[in-house]
Amino acid sequence: MALAFPNASRSFDDARNLIRFTGYDGMFEVRFFVDAAALSTARLSEQDYLRAFDAARLKIQQIASKLYNPKHGMTYTLRAADLR
């Protein structure tokens, strides 16, 4: 089954400086994180990071789909190099 992103929710984790979002492989939840530095080299507010994520959401989801492999676990962190 292909990875899907039916839920548009995302959240910012200030302590870890990343954005969380979720994909689904059938009934299995796959957790994704985007390093905030991948979205901007400047220190932004939580809302600005979430806006940057939203602006790049389609590209981020496409990259997440390419990186996803159920044999490699259900949690992935996307870094700046992944988003190039």
N, C-alpha and C. Protein backbone atom coordinates (compact mmCIF):
# COMPACT_ATOMS: atom_id res chain seq x y z
N MET A 1 0.84 -1.18 0.00
CA MET A 1 0.00 0.00 0.00
C MET A 1 0.89 1.24 0.00
N ALA A 2 0.48 2.27 -0.66
CA ALA A 2 1.24 3.52 -0.75
C ALA A 2 1.04 4.36 0.50
N LEU A 3 2.02 5.14 0.82
CA LEU A 3 1.96 6.07 1.93
C LEU A 3 0.99 7.20 1.59
N ALA A 4 0.13 7.56 2.55
CA ALA A 4 -0.86 8.62 2.34
C ALA A 4 -0.77 9.63 3.48
N PHE A 5 -1.20 10.83 3.20
CA PHE A 5 -1.20 11.92 4.19
C PHE A 5 -2.59 12.54 4.28
N PRO A 6 -3.57 11.78 4.81
CA PRO A 6 -4.94 12.27 4.84
C PRO A 6 -5.18 13.35 5.90
N ASN A 7 -4.30 13.44 6.87
CA ASN A 7 -4.46 14.40 7.96
C ASN A 7 -3.47 15.55 7.76
N ALA A 8 -3.97 16.75 7.61
CA ALA A 8 -3.10 17.90 7.34
C ALA A 8 -2.51 18.52 8.60
N SER A 9 -2.74 17.91 9.76
CA SER A 9 -2.22 18.50 10.99
C SER A 9 -0.71 18.38 11.04
N ARG A 10 -0.11 19.33 11.71
CA ARG A 10 1.33 19.35 11.95
C ARG A 10 1.52 20.16 13.21
N SER A 11 2.64 19.98 13.88
CA SER A 11 2.92 20.73 15.09
C SER A 11 4.40 21.01 15.19
N PHE A 12 4.73 22.04 15.94
CA PHE A 12 6.12 22.44 16.12
C PHE A 12 6.56 22.02 17.51
N ASP A 13 7.70 21.35 17.59
CA ASP A 13 8.29 20.95 18.86
C ASP A 13 9.47 21.88 19.12
N ASP A 14 9.25 22.86 19.99
CA ASP A 14 10.28 23.87 20.27
C ASP A 14 11.50 23.26 20.94
N ALA A 15 11.30 22.29 21.83
CA ALA A 15 12.41 21.67 22.54
C ALA A 15 13.36 20.94 21.59
N ARG A 16 12.79 20.30 20.56
CA ARG A 16 13.60 19.54 19.61
C ARG A 16 13.83 20.30 18.31
N ASN A 17 13.18 21.46 18.16
CA ASN A 17 13.32 22.33 16.99
C ASN A 17 12.98 21.59 15.70
N LEU A 18 11.77 21.02 15.68
CA LEU A 18 11.32 20.31 14.49
C LEU A 18 9.82 20.38 14.36
N ILE A 19 9.36 20.06 13.16
CA ILE A 19 7.93 20.01 12.87
C ILE A 19 7.55 18.54 12.74
N ARG A 20 6.45 18.18 13.37
CA ARG A 20 5.94 16.81 13.34
C ARG A 20 4.76 16.73 12.38
N PHE A 21 4.69 15.65 11.62
CA PHE A 21 3.51 15.36 10.81
C PHE A 21 3.41 13.85 10.65
N THR A 22 2.27 13.39 10.22
CA THR A 22 2.00 11.96 10.20
C THR A 22 1.54 11.50 8.83
N GLY A 23 2.01 10.34 8.44
CA GLY A 23 1.54 9.67 7.24
C GLY A 23 0.96 8.33 7.64
N TYR A 24 0.30 7.68 6.71
CA TYR A 24 -0.31 6.38 7.00
C TYR A 24 -0.03 5.40 5.87
N ASP A 25 0.39 4.23 6.26
CA ASP A 25 0.58 3.11 5.34
C ASP A 25 -0.51 2.12 5.70
N GLY A 26 -1.65 2.24 5.03
CA GLY A 26 -2.81 1.44 5.41
C GLY A 26 -3.25 1.89 6.79
N MET A 27 -3.29 0.96 7.74
CA MET A 27 -3.71 1.31 9.10
C MET A 27 -2.53 1.68 9.99
N PHE A 28 -1.31 1.64 9.46
CA PHE A 28 -0.12 1.92 10.26
C PHE A 28 0.27 3.40 10.18
N GLU A 29 0.45 3.99 11.35
CA GLU A 29 0.86 5.39 11.43
C GLU A 29 2.38 5.48 11.27
N VAL A 30 2.81 6.43 10.45
CA VAL A 30 4.24 6.67 10.23
C VAL A 30 4.52 8.10 10.67
N ARG A 31 5.43 8.24 11.63
CA ARG A 31 5.76 9.56 12.16
C ARG A 31 6.91 10.18 11.37
N PHE A 32 6.71 11.42 11.00
CA PHE A 32 7.74 12.17 10.29
C PHE A 32 8.06 13.43 11.06
N PHE A 33 9.32 13.82 11.00
CA PHE A 33 9.79 15.06 11.60
C PHE A 33 10.60 15.80 10.55
N VAL A 34 10.47 17.12 10.52
CA VAL A 34 11.30 17.94 9.64
C VAL A 34 12.13 18.84 10.55
N ASP A 35 13.43 18.74 10.42
CA ASP A 35 14.32 19.62 11.17
C ASP A 35 14.01 21.05 10.76
N ALA A 36 13.76 21.93 11.73
CA ALA A 36 13.40 23.32 11.43
C ALA A 36 14.48 24.01 10.61
N ALA A 37 15.72 23.65 10.81
CA ALA A 37 16.82 24.25 10.04
C ALA A 37 16.72 23.91 8.56
N ALA A 38 15.98 22.86 8.22
CA ALA A 38 15.77 22.51 6.81
C ALA A 38 14.83 23.49 6.13
N LEU A 39 14.02 24.20 6.92
CA LEU A 39 13.06 25.14 6.37
C LEU A 39 13.58 26.57 6.34
N SER A 40 14.51 26.88 7.24
CA SER A 40 15.08 28.23 7.29
C SER A 40 16.36 28.21 8.09
N THR A 41 17.35 28.95 7.63
CA THR A 41 18.60 29.05 8.37
C THR A 41 18.49 30.09 9.49
N ALA A 42 17.48 30.95 9.42
CA ALA A 42 17.24 31.94 10.47
C ALA A 42 16.36 31.32 11.55
N ARG A 43 16.49 31.82 12.76
CA ARG A 43 15.62 31.37 13.85
C ARG A 43 14.27 32.06 13.70
N LEU A 44 13.21 31.28 13.51
CA LEU A 44 11.87 31.81 13.27
C LEU A 44 10.97 31.53 14.47
N SER A 45 9.81 32.14 14.46
CA SER A 45 8.80 31.82 15.47
C SER A 45 8.13 30.50 15.09
N GLU A 46 7.41 29.93 16.03
CA GLU A 46 6.67 28.70 15.77
C GLU A 46 5.74 28.86 14.58
N GLN A 47 5.00 29.95 14.55
CA GLN A 47 4.04 30.18 13.46
C GLN A 47 4.76 30.32 12.12
N ASP A 48 5.91 30.97 12.10
CA ASP A 48 6.67 31.12 10.85
C ASP A 48 7.19 29.77 10.36
N TYR A 49 7.65 28.91 11.28
CA TYR A 49 8.08 27.58 10.87
C TYR A 49 6.91 26.78 10.30
N LEU A 50 5.76 26.88 10.94
CA LEU A 50 4.59 26.14 10.44
C LEU A 50 4.14 26.68 9.08
N ARG A 51 4.23 27.99 8.89
CA ARG A 51 3.91 28.56 7.57
C ARG A 51 4.90 28.07 6.51
N ALA A 52 6.18 28.01 6.87
CA ALA A 52 7.20 27.52 5.93
C ALA A 52 6.93 26.05 5.58
N PHE A 53 6.54 25.26 6.58
CA PHE A 53 6.19 23.86 6.33
C PHE A 53 4.99 23.78 5.39
N ASP A 54 3.96 24.57 5.67
CA ASP A 54 2.75 24.54 4.84
C ASP A 54 3.06 24.93 3.40
N ALA A 55 3.95 25.90 3.22
CA ALA A 55 4.32 26.34 1.87
C ALA A 55 5.04 25.24 1.10
N ALA A 56 5.77 24.40 1.82
CA ALA A 56 6.55 23.33 1.17
C ALA A 56 5.92 21.95 1.38
N ARG A 57 4.70 21.90 1.90
CA ARG A 57 4.07 20.63 2.27
C ARG A 57 4.09 19.59 1.16
N LEU A 58 3.69 19.93 -0.03
CA LEU A 58 3.64 18.95 -1.12
C LEU A 58 5.01 18.35 -1.38
N LYS A 59 6.02 19.20 -1.47
CA LYS A 59 7.39 18.72 -1.70
C LYS A 59 7.85 17.84 -0.54
N ILE A 60 7.57 18.26 0.70
CA ILE A 60 7.97 17.49 1.88
C ILE A 60 7.30 16.13 1.87
N GLN A 61 6.01 16.09 1.56
CA GLN A 61 5.31 14.81 1.52
C GLN A 61 5.83 13.91 0.41
N GLN A 62 6.17 14.47 -0.72
CA GLN A 62 6.74 13.67 -1.81
C GLN A 62 8.08 13.07 -1.39
N ILE A 63 8.90 13.86 -0.73
CA ILE A 63 10.20 13.37 -0.26
C ILE A 63 10.01 12.32 0.81
N ALA A 64 9.07 12.56 1.73
CA ALA A 64 8.79 11.58 2.78
C ALA A 64 8.35 10.26 2.16
N SER A 65 7.53 10.32 1.14
CA SER A 65 7.08 9.10 0.46
C SER A 65 8.24 8.34 -0.17
N LYS A 66 9.20 9.06 -0.73
CA LYS A 66 10.36 8.42 -1.35
C LYS A 66 11.27 7.78 -0.30
N LEU A 67 11.41 8.44 0.86
CA LEU A 67 12.29 7.93 1.91
C LEU A 67 11.68 6.77 2.69
N TYR A 68 10.37 6.70 2.71
CA TYR A 68 9.68 5.70 3.52
C TYR A 68 9.91 4.29 3.00
N ASN A 69 10.26 3.44 3.93
CA ASN A 69 10.40 2.01 3.66
C ASN A 69 9.98 1.29 4.94
N PRO A 70 8.88 0.55 4.93
CA PRO A 70 8.40 -0.09 6.15
C PRO A 70 9.41 -1.02 6.81
N LYS A 71 10.37 -1.49 6.06
CA LYS A 71 11.41 -2.35 6.62
C LYS A 71 12.42 -1.56 7.46
N HIS A 72 12.39 -0.22 7.32
CA HIS A 72 13.36 0.64 8.02
C HIS A 72 12.72 1.40 9.17
N GLY A 73 11.56 1.01 9.60
CA GLY A 73 10.94 1.63 10.76
C GLY A 73 9.78 2.54 10.39
N MET A 74 9.19 3.11 11.43
CA MET A 74 7.99 3.93 11.27
C MET A 74 8.20 5.36 11.74
N THR A 75 9.46 5.77 11.89
CA THR A 75 9.78 7.14 12.29
C THR A 75 10.93 7.64 11.43
N TYR A 76 10.75 8.84 10.86
CA TYR A 76 11.75 9.42 9.96
C TYR A 76 11.94 10.89 10.27
N THR A 77 13.17 11.36 10.17
CA THR A 77 13.48 12.78 10.32
C THR A 77 14.07 13.27 9.00
N LEU A 78 13.44 14.29 8.44
CA LEU A 78 13.93 14.89 7.20
C LEU A 78 14.83 16.07 7.55
N ARG A 79 15.98 16.11 6.95
CA ARG A 79 16.97 17.17 7.18
C ARG A 79 17.09 18.03 5.93
N ALA A 80 17.88 19.08 6.03
CA ALA A 80 18.05 20.01 4.91
C ALA A 80 18.50 19.28 3.65
N ALA A 81 19.42 18.35 3.77
CA ALA A 81 19.92 17.62 2.60
C ALA A 81 18.81 16.84 1.91
N ASP A 82 17.83 16.38 2.67
CA ASP A 82 16.72 15.63 2.08
C ASP A 82 15.80 16.53 1.25
N LEU A 83 15.72 17.79 1.64
CA LEU A 83 14.77 18.72 0.99
C LEU A 83 15.36 19.43 -0.23
N ARG A 84 16.58 19.16 -0.57
CA ARG A 84 17.20 19.80 -1.73
C ARG A 84 16.74 19.17 -3.01
